[in-house]
Amino acid sequence: MIEKILDNVCDQSENFSSYDAQRVHAIEAARCTRLSYFERKDPILADSVEKISILLKQGVKHSFKNVHSEYKVDDLTLGVTADLILNNEFIVKVEVVSILPEMPHPRDLLYINACLFAFKKLEGILVYITYEGKFEEFSVTKSNRMFEEIIRRAKVLSTLLTECKLPIVEPSEICLTCKYYGRCYNREKKGSSYSLENLFAFRKKDGNHITSKC
């Protein structure tokens, strides 16, 4: 019974396998594109630990409104989902983590920035919350440079999905815990030096306000 419940939760989680190649969700473009490719083309089923993690995160996410929108560029449609729009002015994104970060992850900044463009807002709030109830929040302002980058990444992923070509390896701290680690590093001992962390010079200002040099 428990397995069926967990399977049902996973089926309702962030699954974009039904999308066509011309439609990319901002989550897919902001995170490792190789991960997004595998999730669409040749997914590995979640184990029990991952299913429980998804269950807990989805429980938090479902307590918000989860407002959907999209942004169209040429033949590409970029989908976004905001956890909450506060006072019809601020886009709110909530991330459940085990340890509060000192700085937000670039993929989260790329994602909430895409939401700002899709919803036509100027500022967003990125909230990290632990299972113990501790939280940290960062204010994010709209950045043209970050939006250009996520559109570029979405177009690349769209093209590779169409052509069934595997994206490059994007080394990051999440690689070691990624279920696709063996597919990326079994044969490819040397990964790409490309990373989102190196792409933008993010800096933390007073009041946890995040900007990029754009």
Protein backbone atom coordinates (compact mmCIF):
# COMPACT_ATOMS: atom_id res chain seq x y z
CA MET A 1 0.00 0.00 0.00
CA ILE A 2 2.76 2.43 0.96
CA GLU A 3 4.62 1.70 -2.29
CA LYS A 4 1.50 2.51 -4.31
CA ILE A 5 1.07 5.82 -2.46
CA LEU A 6 4.71 6.75 -3.08
CA ASP A 7 4.46 5.76 -6.74
CA ASN A 8 1.37 7.94 -7.12
CA VAL A 9 3.15 10.92 -5.57
CA CYS A 10 6.13 10.46 -7.92
CA ASP A 11 3.82 10.30 -10.93
CA GLN A 12 2.33 13.66 -9.91
CA SER A 13 5.70 15.30 -9.24
CA GLU A 14 7.79 17.33 -11.70
CA ASN A 15 7.45 15.07 -14.72
CA PHE A 16 7.80 16.61 -18.17
CA SER A 17 7.96 13.44 -20.26
CA SER A 18 4.63 14.33 -21.89
CA TYR A 19 6.03 17.62 -23.23
CA ASP A 20 7.11 17.83 -26.86
CA ALA A 21 10.63 19.04 -27.66
CA GLN A 22 9.45 22.59 -28.40
CA ARG A 23 8.07 22.95 -24.88
CA VAL A 24 10.62 23.11 -22.07
CA HIS A 25 9.90 23.83 -18.43
CA ALA A 26 12.21 26.33 -16.75
CA ILE A 27 13.09 23.66 -14.17
CA GLU A 28 14.54 21.53 -16.97
CA ALA A 29 16.58 24.40 -18.40
CA ALA A 30 17.81 25.74 -15.06
CA ARG A 31 19.10 22.43 -13.73
CA CYS A 32 21.63 20.10 -15.38
CA THR A 33 20.37 19.64 -18.94
CA ARG A 34 21.79 16.12 -19.09
CA LEU A 35 19.61 15.22 -16.09
CA SER A 36 16.61 16.75 -17.87
CA TYR A 37 17.44 14.80 -21.03
CA PHE A 38 17.64 11.49 -19.17
CA GLU A 39 14.40 12.20 -17.32
CA ARG A 40 12.63 12.55 -20.66
CA LYS A 41 14.40 9.98 -22.81
CA ASP A 42 15.57 7.19 -20.51
CA PRO A 43 14.53 7.77 -16.88
CA ILE A 44 15.68 5.72 -13.93
CA LEU A 45 12.83 4.93 -11.56
CA ALA A 46 13.09 6.58 -8.15
CA ASP A 47 14.12 4.36 -5.24
CA SER A 48 12.33 4.41 -1.86
CA VAL A 49 14.59 7.13 -0.41
CA GLU A 50 13.98 9.43 -3.37
CA LYS A 51 10.25 8.73 -3.29
CA ILE A 52 10.01 9.74 0.37
CA SER A 53 12.03 12.89 -0.33
CA ILE A 54 9.65 13.76 -3.19
CA LEU A 55 6.66 13.08 -0.90
CA LEU A 56 7.93 15.51 1.75
CA LYS A 57 8.82 18.22 -0.78
CA GLN A 58 5.50 17.88 -2.59
CA GLY A 59 3.68 18.20 0.72
CA VAL A 60 5.30 21.61 1.23
CA LYS A 61 4.79 22.68 -2.39
CA HIS A 62 1.10 21.75 -2.42
CA SER A 63 0.43 24.14 0.45
CA PHE A 64 1.00 26.99 -2.01
CA LYS A 65 -1.05 28.09 -5.01
CA ASN A 66 1.38 26.87 -7.70
CA VAL A 67 0.53 29.42 -10.41
CA HIS A 68 1.48 28.43 -13.97
CA SER A 69 2.53 30.63 -16.87
CA GLU A 70 4.72 30.49 -19.96
CA TYR A 71 6.97 32.62 -22.14
CA LYS A 72 7.24 32.10 -25.90
CA VAL A 73 10.37 32.77 -27.95
CA ASP A 74 10.20 31.84 -31.63
CA ASP A 75 9.06 28.18 -31.70
CA LEU A 76 10.04 27.57 -28.08
CA THR A 77 7.62 27.69 -25.15
CA LEU A 78 9.22 28.07 -21.72
CA GLY A 79 6.91 26.94 -18.93
CA VAL A 80 7.17 28.21 -15.34
CA THR A 81 5.40 27.57 -12.05
CA ALA A 82 5.46 30.08 -9.20
CA ASP A 83 4.79 28.70 -5.74
CA LEU A 84 3.08 31.97 -4.82
CA ILE A 85 2.55 35.51 -6.09
CA LEU A 86 2.61 37.77 -3.03
CA ASN A 87 0.46 40.91 -3.12
CA ASN A 88 0.29 40.52 -6.92
CA GLU A 89 3.83 41.88 -6.98
CA PHE A 90 6.46 39.41 -5.74
CA ILE A 91 7.15 35.95 -7.17
CA VAL A 92 7.87 33.46 -4.39
CA LYS A 93 9.82 30.22 -4.90
CA VAL A 94 10.25 27.77 -2.02
CA GLU A 95 13.01 25.16 -1.92
CA VAL A 96 13.08 22.43 0.73
CA VAL A 97 16.68 21.65 1.73
CA SER A 98 18.50 19.69 4.42
CA ILE A 99 20.98 22.52 5.11
CA LEU A 100 20.35 26.23 4.66
CA PRO A 101 22.70 27.73 2.04
CA GLU A 102 24.70 30.91 2.54
CA MET A 103 24.00 31.84 -1.06
CA PRO A 104 21.20 30.67 -3.37
CA HIS A 105 22.07 28.11 -6.02
CA PRO A 106 22.42 29.54 -9.56
CA ARG A 107 19.77 27.11 -10.87
CA ASP A 108 17.25 28.55 -8.41
CA LEU A 109 18.15 32.10 -9.42
CA LEU A 110 17.78 31.22 -13.11
CA TYR A 111 14.40 29.66 -12.41
CA ILE A 112 12.86 32.45 -10.32
CA ASN A 113 14.20 35.01 -12.81
CA ALA A 114 12.39 33.15 -15.61
CA CYS A 115 9.23 33.41 -13.50
CA LEU A 116 9.72 37.18 -13.24
CA PHE A 117 9.72 37.46 -17.03
CA ALA A 118 6.81 35.08 -17.58
CA PHE A 119 4.63 36.82 -14.99
CA LYS A 120 5.97 40.29 -15.86
CA LYS A 121 7.14 41.10 -12.34
CA LEU A 122 10.23 42.97 -11.18
CA GLU A 123 11.18 41.21 -7.94
CA GLY A 124 11.07 37.77 -6.44
CA ILE A 125 11.70 36.07 -3.10
CA LEU A 126 13.64 32.83 -2.93
CA VAL A 127 12.96 30.91 0.29
CA TYR A 128 14.97 27.93 1.53
CA ILE A 129 13.33 25.92 4.30
CA THR A 130 14.52 22.86 6.20
CA TYR A 131 12.41 19.99 7.51
CA GLU A 132 13.05 21.37 11.01
CA GLY A 133 11.33 24.64 10.09
CA LYS A 134 14.43 26.82 9.76
CA PHE A 135 14.45 29.15 6.78
CA GLU A 136 16.50 31.68 4.85
CA GLU A 137 15.19 34.06 2.22
CA PHE A 138 16.80 36.09 -0.54
CA SER A 139 15.29 38.89 -2.62
CA VAL A 140 16.00 38.67 -6.35
CA THR A 141 15.71 41.41 -8.96
CA LYS A 142 14.94 40.88 -12.63
CA SER A 143 18.01 40.19 -14.76
CA ASN A 144 18.12 40.27 -18.56
CA ARG A 145 21.41 38.39 -18.60
CA MET A 146 20.07 35.48 -16.56
CA PHE A 147 16.96 35.32 -18.72
CA GLU A 148 19.03 35.21 -21.91
CA GLU A 149 21.00 32.32 -20.38
CA ILE A 150 17.95 30.22 -19.47
CA ILE A 151 16.43 30.81 -22.91
CA ARG A 152 19.74 29.71 -24.47
CA ARG A 153 19.79 26.59 -22.30
CA ALA A 154 16.14 25.82 -23.11
CA LYS A 155 16.81 26.13 -26.85
CA VAL A 156 19.85 23.86 -26.61
CA LEU A 157 17.88 21.25 -24.65
CA SER A 158 14.99 21.49 -27.12
CA THR A 159 17.35 20.91 -30.06
CA LEU A 160 19.11 17.98 -28.38
CA LEU A 161 15.79 16.36 -27.47
CA THR A 162 14.68 16.67 -31.09
CA GLU A 163 17.93 15.23 -32.41
CA CYS A 164 18.26 12.64 -29.61
CA LYS A 165 21.72 13.92 -28.75
CA LEU A 166 23.07 13.82 -25.21
CA PRO A 167 23.92 17.19 -23.56
CA ILE A 168 27.41 17.84 -22.20
CA VAL A 169 28.33 17.02 -18.60
CA GLU A 170 27.85 20.00 -16.27
CA PRO A 171 29.87 19.23 -13.13
CA SER A 172 28.36 20.46 -9.85
CA GLU A 173 27.99 19.46 -6.22
CA ILE A 174 24.77 17.55 -6.97
CA CYS A 175 26.55 15.12 -9.32
CA LEU A 176 27.69 12.83 -6.49
CA THR A 177 24.11 12.21 -5.34
CA CYS A 178 22.53 12.16 -8.80
CA LYS A 179 20.99 8.85 -9.84
CA TYR A 180 22.52 9.30 -13.31
CA TYR A 181 26.09 9.72 -12.01
CA GLY A 182 27.21 6.40 -13.49
CA ARG A 183 26.02 7.40 -16.95
CA CYS A 184 28.03 10.61 -16.92
CA TYR A 185 31.29 9.60 -15.26
CA ASN A 186 31.67 5.91 -16.05
CA ARG A 187 33.31 6.58 -19.39
CA GLU A 188 33.78 10.34 -19.29
CA LYS A 189 36.56 10.81 -16.76
CA LYS A 190 37.00 14.44 -17.76
CA GLY A 191 33.89 16.52 -17.39
CA SER A 192 33.23 19.91 -18.90
CA SER A 193 34.56 22.91 -16.99
CA TYR A 194 31.25 24.64 -17.69
CA SER A 195 29.12 25.35 -14.65
CA LEU A 196 26.38 27.78 -13.73
CA GLU A 197 28.40 28.88 -10.71
CA ASN A 198 31.16 30.18 -12.97
CA LEU A 199 28.82 31.74 -15.50
CA PHE A 200 27.44 34.48 -13.27
CA ALA A 201 29.30 36.58 -10.72
CA PHE A 202 26.62 36.51 -8.04
CA ARG A 203 27.18 38.56 -4.96
CA LYS A 204 25.33 38.82 -1.67
CA LYS A 205 24.36 42.28 -0.48
CA ASP A 206 22.93 43.47 2.82
CA GLY A 207 19.53 41.98 3.53
CA ASN A 208 20.27 38.91 1.40
CA HIS A 209 19.60 40.75 -1.83
CA ILE A 210 21.00 38.91 -4.83
CA THR A 211 22.07 40.50 -8.09
CA SER A 212 24.23 39.50 -11.03
CA LYS A 213 26.56 41.65 -13.07
CA CYS A 214 24.25 42.46 -15.97
